[in-house]
Amino acid sequence: MSRAGWTLRVLLLVCDSGAALRDHKSSGRVHRRCATGVELVDWLLAASSSVHSRQQAVGMWQALIEEGVLTHVSGEHAFRDKSLLYRFRQDAEEGGTGTLPSSEDILKAEDQLNASIVALVQRGPDAIMRMILRKP
């Protein structure tokens, strides 16, 4: 899962769409290199024809949260297709100040995108089920 997370993070860091990882201000705090749940779902739907629905994309992102690859900025929420902010663990650890991916990393991530999507498509339904079962 960490390989899939690395792939998605690299591509999100260099994309020109609204889902690009960027700084957001919320409740007077600046959260570095993050995106909203809506932006991440939209990006994943646009990135692959293997992702057929918003619910499927939510499950894929939730699988990354369960693996500790992605996190809500305050660590309080499961993945939601809403305006909640999420960031990758690496960006949380670096404070969002790390360097941008090299051109070699970008090419490697582009090559690995399909395999990463396939892995997440397989894990997404179970992640959704666990998320449903955890609800109070």
N, C-alpha and C. Protein backbone atom coordinates (compact mmCIF):
# COMPACT_ATOMS: atom_id res chain seq x y z
N MET A 1 0.82 -1.20 0.00
CA MET A 1 0.00 0.00 0.00
C MET A 1 0.86 1.26 0.00
N SER A 2 2.00 1.19 0.66
CA SER A 2 2.83 2.40 0.69
C SER A 2 3.33 2.75 -0.71
N ARG A 3 3.54 1.75 -1.57
CA ARG A 3 3.97 2.02 -2.95
C ARG A 3 2.85 2.73 -3.70
N ALA A 4 1.62 2.28 -3.52
CA ALA A 4 0.48 2.94 -4.17
C ALA A 4 0.35 4.37 -3.67
N GLY A 5 0.52 4.57 -2.38
CA GLY A 5 0.46 5.91 -1.81
C GLY A 5 1.55 6.81 -2.36
N TRP A 6 2.77 6.27 -2.48
CA TRP A 6 3.87 7.04 -3.04
C TRP A 6 3.54 7.48 -4.47
N THR A 7 3.02 6.54 -5.25
CA THR A 7 2.67 6.83 -6.64
C THR A 7 1.64 7.96 -6.74
N LEU A 8 0.56 7.83 -5.97
CA LEU A 8 -0.49 8.85 -6.03
C LEU A 8 0.03 10.20 -5.53
N ARG A 9 0.83 10.19 -4.47
CA ARG A 9 1.37 11.44 -3.93
C ARG A 9 2.24 12.16 -4.95
N VAL A 10 3.12 11.43 -5.60
CA VAL A 10 4.00 12.04 -6.61
C VAL A 10 3.17 12.69 -7.70
N LEU A 11 2.18 11.97 -8.21
CA LEU A 11 1.37 12.50 -9.30
C LEU A 11 0.50 13.67 -8.85
N LEU A 12 0.03 13.63 -7.62
CA LEU A 12 -0.75 14.76 -7.10
C LEU A 12 0.12 16.00 -6.89
N LEU A 13 1.37 15.80 -6.52
CA LEU A 13 2.27 16.94 -6.31
C LEU A 13 2.57 17.70 -7.60
N VAL A 14 2.53 17.00 -8.73
CA VAL A 14 2.89 17.64 -9.99
C VAL A 14 1.71 17.92 -10.90
N CYS A 15 0.50 17.55 -10.48
CA CYS A 15 -0.66 17.74 -11.36
C CYS A 15 -1.09 19.21 -11.38
N ASP A 16 -1.74 19.57 -12.46
CA ASP A 16 -2.21 20.95 -12.63
C ASP A 16 -3.68 21.11 -12.25
N SER A 17 -4.33 20.03 -11.87
CA SER A 17 -5.77 20.11 -11.58
C SER A 17 -6.01 20.68 -10.18
N GLY A 18 -7.27 20.84 -9.84
CA GLY A 18 -7.65 21.37 -8.53
C GLY A 18 -7.26 20.48 -7.37
N ALA A 19 -6.93 19.22 -7.64
CA ALA A 19 -6.60 18.28 -6.57
C ALA A 19 -5.13 18.33 -6.18
N ALA A 20 -4.37 19.18 -6.81
CA ALA A 20 -2.95 19.25 -6.47
C ALA A 20 -2.79 19.48 -4.98
N LEU A 21 -1.80 18.82 -4.41
CA LEU A 21 -1.52 19.01 -2.99
C LEU A 21 -0.98 20.42 -2.81
N ARG A 22 -1.66 21.19 -1.99
CA ARG A 22 -1.27 22.59 -1.79
C ARG A 22 -1.61 23.00 -0.36
N ASP A 23 -1.21 24.19 -0.01
CA ASP A 23 -1.49 24.71 1.33
C ASP A 23 -2.94 25.18 1.42
N HIS A 24 -3.59 24.84 2.53
CA HIS A 24 -4.98 25.25 2.79
C HIS A 24 -5.02 25.92 4.15
N LYS A 25 -5.87 26.92 4.28
CA LYS A 25 -6.06 27.58 5.57
C LYS A 25 -7.41 27.14 6.12
N SER A 26 -7.41 26.69 7.38
CA SER A 26 -8.63 26.22 8.02
C SER A 26 -8.55 26.55 9.51
N SER A 27 -9.56 27.19 10.02
CA SER A 27 -9.61 27.57 11.44
C SER A 27 -8.37 28.35 11.87
N GLY A 28 -7.91 29.23 11.00
CA GLY A 28 -6.76 30.06 11.34
C GLY A 28 -5.41 29.39 11.22
N ARG A 29 -5.40 28.11 10.87
CA ARG A 29 -4.14 27.37 10.71
C ARG A 29 -3.88 27.09 9.25
N VAL A 30 -2.63 27.05 8.88
CA VAL A 30 -2.25 26.68 7.52
C VAL A 30 -1.84 25.21 7.54
N HIS A 31 -2.50 24.42 6.71
CA HIS A 31 -2.17 23.00 6.57
C HIS A 31 -1.44 22.85 5.24
N ARG A 32 -0.21 22.40 5.30
CA ARG A 32 0.64 22.33 4.11
C ARG A 32 0.42 21.03 3.34
N ARG A 33 0.52 21.15 2.03
CA ARG A 33 0.45 20.02 1.11
C ARG A 33 -0.70 19.07 1.43
N CYS A 34 -1.89 19.56 1.29
CA CYS A 34 -3.06 18.71 1.51
C CYS A 34 -4.10 19.00 0.44
N ALA A 35 -5.16 18.19 0.43
CA ALA A 35 -6.27 18.35 -0.51
C ALA A 35 -7.54 17.93 0.20
N THR A 36 -8.66 18.41 -0.29
CA THR A 36 -9.94 18.00 0.30
C THR A 36 -10.31 16.61 -0.20
N GLY A 37 -11.20 15.97 0.53
CA GLY A 37 -11.70 14.67 0.11
C GLY A 37 -12.35 14.74 -1.26
N VAL A 38 -13.11 15.80 -1.52
CA VAL A 38 -13.77 15.98 -2.82
C VAL A 38 -12.73 16.07 -3.93
N GLU A 39 -11.68 16.84 -3.71
CA GLU A 39 -10.62 16.99 -4.71
C GLU A 39 -9.92 15.66 -4.99
N LEU A 40 -9.65 14.90 -3.94
CA LEU A 40 -8.97 13.62 -4.12
C LEU A 40 -9.84 12.62 -4.88
N VAL A 41 -11.13 12.59 -4.56
CA VAL A 41 -12.05 11.70 -5.28
C VAL A 41 -12.14 12.11 -6.74
N ASP A 42 -12.32 13.40 -7.00
CA ASP A 42 -12.39 13.89 -8.38
C ASP A 42 -11.13 13.52 -9.16
N TRP A 43 -9.96 13.71 -8.53
CA TRP A 43 -8.70 13.41 -9.20
C TRP A 43 -8.60 11.93 -9.55
N LEU A 44 -8.95 11.06 -8.60
CA LEU A 44 -8.85 9.63 -8.83
C LEU A 44 -9.79 9.18 -9.95
N LEU A 45 -11.00 9.74 -9.98
CA LEU A 45 -11.94 9.42 -11.06
C LEU A 45 -11.39 9.84 -12.42
N ALA A 46 -10.73 10.99 -12.47
CA ALA A 46 -10.16 11.48 -13.73
C ALA A 46 -8.89 10.72 -14.11
N ALA A 47 -8.17 10.20 -13.13
CA ALA A 47 -6.87 9.56 -13.37
C ALA A 47 -6.99 8.17 -13.97
N SER A 48 -8.11 7.50 -13.74
CA SER A 48 -8.22 6.11 -14.20
C SER A 48 -9.64 5.73 -14.56
N SER A 49 -9.77 5.07 -15.70
CA SER A 49 -11.09 4.57 -16.11
C SER A 49 -11.48 3.33 -15.30
N SER A 50 -10.57 2.80 -14.50
CA SER A 50 -10.88 1.65 -13.64
C SER A 50 -11.68 2.05 -12.41
N VAL A 51 -11.71 3.35 -12.12
CA VAL A 51 -12.47 3.86 -10.97
C VAL A 51 -13.82 4.33 -11.52
N HIS A 52 -14.90 3.65 -11.11
CA HIS A 52 -16.21 3.85 -11.73
C HIS A 52 -17.16 4.73 -10.94
N SER A 53 -16.89 4.96 -9.67
CA SER A 53 -17.85 5.74 -8.88
C SER A 53 -17.13 6.49 -7.76
N ARG A 54 -17.80 7.47 -7.25
CA ARG A 54 -17.25 8.23 -6.12
C ARG A 54 -17.10 7.31 -4.91
N GLN A 55 -18.07 6.43 -4.70
CA GLN A 55 -18.00 5.51 -3.56
C GLN A 55 -16.79 4.58 -3.67
N GLN A 56 -16.51 4.11 -4.87
CA GLN A 56 -15.34 3.26 -5.07
C GLN A 56 -14.06 4.04 -4.75
N ALA A 57 -13.98 5.28 -5.20
CA ALA A 57 -12.81 6.12 -4.92
C ALA A 57 -12.66 6.36 -3.42
N VAL A 58 -13.78 6.57 -2.72
CA VAL A 58 -13.73 6.76 -1.26
C VAL A 58 -13.10 5.53 -0.60
N GLY A 59 -13.50 4.35 -1.03
CA GLY A 59 -12.93 3.12 -0.47
C GLY A 59 -11.44 3.01 -0.72
N MET A 60 -11.00 3.45 -1.88
CA MET A 60 -9.58 3.39 -2.21
C MET A 60 -8.77 4.33 -1.32
N TRP A 61 -9.28 5.54 -1.12
CA TRP A 61 -8.58 6.48 -0.22
C TRP A 61 -8.64 5.99 1.22
N GLN A 62 -9.77 5.39 1.62
CA GLN A 62 -9.89 4.86 2.98
C GLN A 62 -8.87 3.75 3.22
N ALA A 63 -8.62 2.93 2.20
CA ALA A 63 -7.60 1.88 2.33
C ALA A 63 -6.23 2.50 2.65
N LEU A 64 -5.93 3.64 2.04
CA LEU A 64 -4.66 4.32 2.32
C LEU A 64 -4.65 4.91 3.72
N ILE A 65 -5.79 5.37 4.20
CA ILE A 65 -5.86 5.86 5.58
C ILE A 65 -5.62 4.72 6.55
N GLU A 66 -6.24 3.57 6.31
CA GLU A 66 -6.08 2.42 7.20
C GLU A 66 -4.63 1.95 7.25
N GLU A 67 -3.90 2.12 6.17
CA GLU A 67 -2.49 1.72 6.14
C GLU A 67 -1.57 2.79 6.71
N GLY A 68 -2.12 3.95 7.06
CA GLY A 68 -1.30 5.02 7.61
C GLY A 68 -0.56 5.83 6.57
N VAL A 69 -0.91 5.66 5.31
CA VAL A 69 -0.26 6.38 4.22
C VAL A 69 -0.86 7.77 4.06
N LEU A 70 -2.16 7.88 4.29
CA LEU A 70 -2.90 9.13 4.18
C LEU A 70 -3.56 9.39 5.52
N THR A 71 -3.75 10.65 5.88
CA THR A 71 -4.39 10.97 7.15
C THR A 71 -5.20 12.25 7.03
N HIS A 72 -6.24 12.33 7.84
CA HIS A 72 -6.96 13.59 7.99
C HIS A 72 -6.00 14.52 8.73
N VAL A 73 -6.05 15.83 8.44
CA VAL A 73 -5.04 16.74 9.02
C VAL A 73 -5.02 16.73 10.54
N SER A 74 -6.16 16.44 11.17
CA SER A 74 -6.16 16.37 12.63
C SER A 74 -6.24 14.92 13.12
N GLY A 75 -6.27 13.97 12.18
CA GLY A 75 -6.32 12.56 12.53
C GLY A 75 -7.65 12.11 13.08
N GLU A 76 -8.69 12.91 12.92
CA GLU A 76 -9.98 12.62 13.55
C GLU A 76 -10.99 11.91 12.68
N HIS A 77 -10.79 11.85 11.38
CA HIS A 77 -11.84 11.36 10.49
C HIS A 77 -11.36 10.24 9.59
N ALA A 78 -12.29 9.34 9.28
CA ALA A 78 -12.09 8.39 8.19
C ALA A 78 -12.18 9.22 6.90
N PHE A 79 -11.97 8.59 5.76
CA PHE A 79 -12.03 9.35 4.52
C PHE A 79 -13.48 9.67 4.17
N ARG A 80 -13.72 10.91 3.82
CA ARG A 80 -15.05 11.37 3.43
C ARG A 80 -14.93 12.17 2.14
N ASP A 81 -15.91 12.02 1.28
CA ASP A 81 -16.00 12.78 0.04
C ASP A 81 -16.60 14.14 0.36
N LYS A 82 -15.86 14.90 1.15
CA LYS A 82 -16.31 16.21 1.63
C LYS A 82 -15.14 17.18 1.63
N SER A 83 -15.35 18.34 2.21
CA SER A 83 -14.31 19.37 2.23
C SER A 83 -13.31 19.20 3.37
N LEU A 84 -13.25 18.03 3.96
CA LEU A 84 -12.25 17.75 5.00
C LEU A 84 -10.88 17.66 4.34
N LEU A 85 -9.85 18.08 5.06
CA LEU A 85 -8.50 18.10 4.51
C LEU A 85 -7.72 16.83 4.86
N TYR A 86 -7.02 16.30 3.87
CA TYR A 86 -6.20 15.10 4.03
C TYR A 86 -4.81 15.37 3.47
N ARG A 87 -3.81 14.68 4.05
CA ARG A 87 -2.46 14.77 3.52
C ARG A 87 -1.77 13.42 3.69
N PHE A 88 -0.72 13.26 2.93
CA PHE A 88 0.07 12.03 3.02
C PHE A 88 0.97 12.09 4.24
N ARG A 89 1.20 10.93 4.82
CA ARG A 89 2.02 10.84 6.04
C ARG A 89 3.38 11.51 5.85
N GLN A 90 3.99 11.30 4.71
CA GLN A 90 5.30 11.89 4.45
C GLN A 90 5.24 13.42 4.56
N ASP A 91 4.19 14.02 4.07
CA ASP A 91 4.07 15.48 4.15
C ASP A 91 3.79 15.93 5.57
N ALA A 92 3.06 15.13 6.33
CA ALA A 92 2.80 15.46 7.73
C ALA A 92 4.11 15.41 8.53
N GLU A 93 4.94 14.40 8.25
CA GLU A 93 6.21 14.25 8.95
C GLU A 93 7.20 15.35 8.59
N GLU A 94 7.19 15.77 7.33
CA GLU A 94 8.12 16.80 6.87
C GLU A 94 7.58 18.21 7.09
N GLY A 95 6.37 18.31 7.58
CA GLY A 95 5.76 19.62 7.75
C GLY A 95 5.36 20.26 6.44
N GLY A 96 5.27 19.43 5.39
CA GLY A 96 4.86 19.94 4.09
C GLY A 96 5.91 20.77 3.38
N THR A 97 7.16 20.62 3.80
CA THR A 97 8.22 21.45 3.22
C THR A 97 9.21 20.65 2.39
N GLY A 98 8.90 19.39 2.09
CA GLY A 98 9.82 18.56 1.33
C GLY A 98 9.97 19.05 -0.10
N THR A 99 10.93 18.48 -0.80
CA THR A 99 11.19 18.87 -2.18
C THR A 99 10.16 18.23 -3.11
N LEU A 100 10.02 18.80 -4.28
CA LEU A 100 9.14 18.23 -5.29
C LEU A 100 9.80 17.00 -5.90
N PRO A 101 9.00 16.08 -6.45
CA PRO A 101 9.56 14.87 -7.04
C PRO A 101 10.46 15.19 -8.24
N SER A 102 11.45 14.35 -8.43
CA SER A 102 12.34 14.50 -9.59
C SER A 102 11.61 14.00 -10.83
N SER A 103 12.15 14.32 -12.00
CA SER A 103 11.53 13.85 -13.24
C SER A 103 11.59 12.33 -13.31
N GLU A 104 12.61 11.74 -12.73
CA GLU A 104 12.72 10.27 -12.68
C GLU A 104 11.59 9.69 -11.82
N ASP A 105 11.33 10.31 -10.67
CA ASP A 105 10.23 9.87 -9.81
C ASP A 105 8.89 9.99 -10.52
N ILE A 106 8.70 11.07 -11.26
CA ILE A 106 7.44 11.28 -11.97
C ILE A 106 7.23 10.19 -13.01
N LEU A 107 8.27 9.87 -13.78
CA LEU A 107 8.17 8.80 -14.78
C LEU A 107 7.87 7.46 -14.12
N LYS A 108 8.53 7.18 -13.01
CA LYS A 108 8.30 5.93 -12.29
C LYS A 108 6.86 5.86 -11.78
N ALA A 109 6.36 6.97 -11.25
CA ALA A 109 4.99 7.02 -10.73
C ALA A 109 3.98 6.83 -11.86
N GLU A 110 4.24 7.45 -13.01
CA GLU A 110 3.33 7.28 -14.15
C GLU A 110 3.29 5.82 -14.60
N ASP A 111 4.45 5.15 -14.58
CA ASP A 111 4.52 3.73 -14.95
C ASP A 111 3.78 2.85 -13.95
N GLN A 112 3.79 3.23 -12.68
CA GLN A 112 3.19 2.40 -11.63
C GLN A 112 1.73 2.74 -11.35
N LEU A 113 1.19 3.76 -12.01
CA LEU A 113 -0.17 4.20 -11.69
C LEU A 113 -1.20 3.08 -11.85
N ASN A 114 -1.17 2.37 -12.98
CA ASN A 114 -2.18 1.32 -13.20
C ASN A 114 -2.10 0.23 -12.15
N ALA A 115 -0.90 -0.23 -11.82
CA ALA A 115 -0.75 -1.27 -10.80
C ALA A 115 -1.23 -0.77 -9.44
N SER A 116 -0.96 0.49 -9.14
CA SER A 116 -1.41 1.07 -7.87
C SER A 116 -2.93 1.15 -7.81
N ILE A 117 -3.54 1.55 -8.92
CA ILE A 117 -5.00 1.63 -8.98
C ILE A 117 -5.61 0.25 -8.80
N VAL A 118 -5.06 -0.75 -9.46
CA VAL A 118 -5.57 -2.12 -9.33
C VAL A 118 -5.50 -2.58 -7.88
N ALA A 119 -4.39 -2.33 -7.21
CA ALA A 119 -4.25 -2.73 -5.80
C ALA A 119 -5.29 -2.03 -4.94
N LEU A 120 -5.51 -0.75 -5.18
CA LEU A 120 -6.49 0.00 -4.38
C LEU A 120 -7.92 -0.40 -4.71
N VAL A 121 -8.20 -0.71 -5.96
CA VAL A 121 -9.54 -1.17 -6.35
C VAL A 121 -9.87 -2.46 -5.60
N GLN A 122 -8.88 -3.33 -5.43
CA GLN A 122 -9.11 -4.59 -4.72
C GLN A 122 -9.30 -4.38 -3.22
N ARG A 123 -8.64 -3.41 -2.63
CA ARG A 123 -8.72 -3.20 -1.18
C ARG A 123 -9.85 -2.27 -0.77
N GLY A 124 -10.34 -1.46 -1.69
CA GLY A 124 -11.36 -0.47 -1.38
C GLY A 124 -12.65 -1.01 -0.78
N PRO A 125 -13.24 -2.07 -1.36
CA PRO A 125 -14.51 -2.56 -0.80
C PRO A 125 -14.40 -3.01 0.66
N ASP A 126 -13.31 -3.67 1.02
CA ASP A 126 -13.13 -4.09 2.41
C ASP A 126 -12.96 -2.88 3.32
N ALA A 127 -12.26 -1.86 2.83
CA ALA A 127 -12.07 -0.65 3.64
C ALA A 127 -13.40 0.05 3.88
N ILE A 128 -14.26 0.08 2.87
CA ILE A 128 -15.60 0.67 3.02
C ILE A 128 -16.39 -0.12 4.06
N MET A 129 -16.33 -1.45 3.99
CA MET A 129 -17.07 -2.29 4.93
C MET A 129 -16.60 -2.04 6.36
N ARG A 130 -15.29 -1.98 6.56
CA ARG A 130 -14.78 -1.72 7.91
C ARG A 130 -15.20 -0.33 8.40
N MET A 131 -15.21 0.64 7.50
CA MET A 131 -15.61 1.99 7.87
C MET A 131 -17.08 2.00 8.29
N ILE A 132 -17.92 1.28 7.57
CA ILE A 132 -19.35 1.20 7.91
C ILE A 132 -19.54 0.52 9.26
N LEU A 133 -18.81 -0.56 9.50
CA LEU A 133 -18.96 -1.30 10.75
C LEU A 133 -18.46 -0.51 11.96
N ARG A 134 -17.53 0.41 11.75
CA ARG A 134 -17.01 1.23 12.85
C ARG A 134 -17.93 2.38 13.22
N LYS A 135 -18.85 2.74 12.35
CA LYS A 135 -19.72 3.88 12.65
C LYS A 135 -20.55 3.60 13.89
N PRO A 136 -20.70 4.62 14.77
CA PRO A 136 -21.48 4.42 16.00
C PRO A 136 -22.96 4.26 15.72
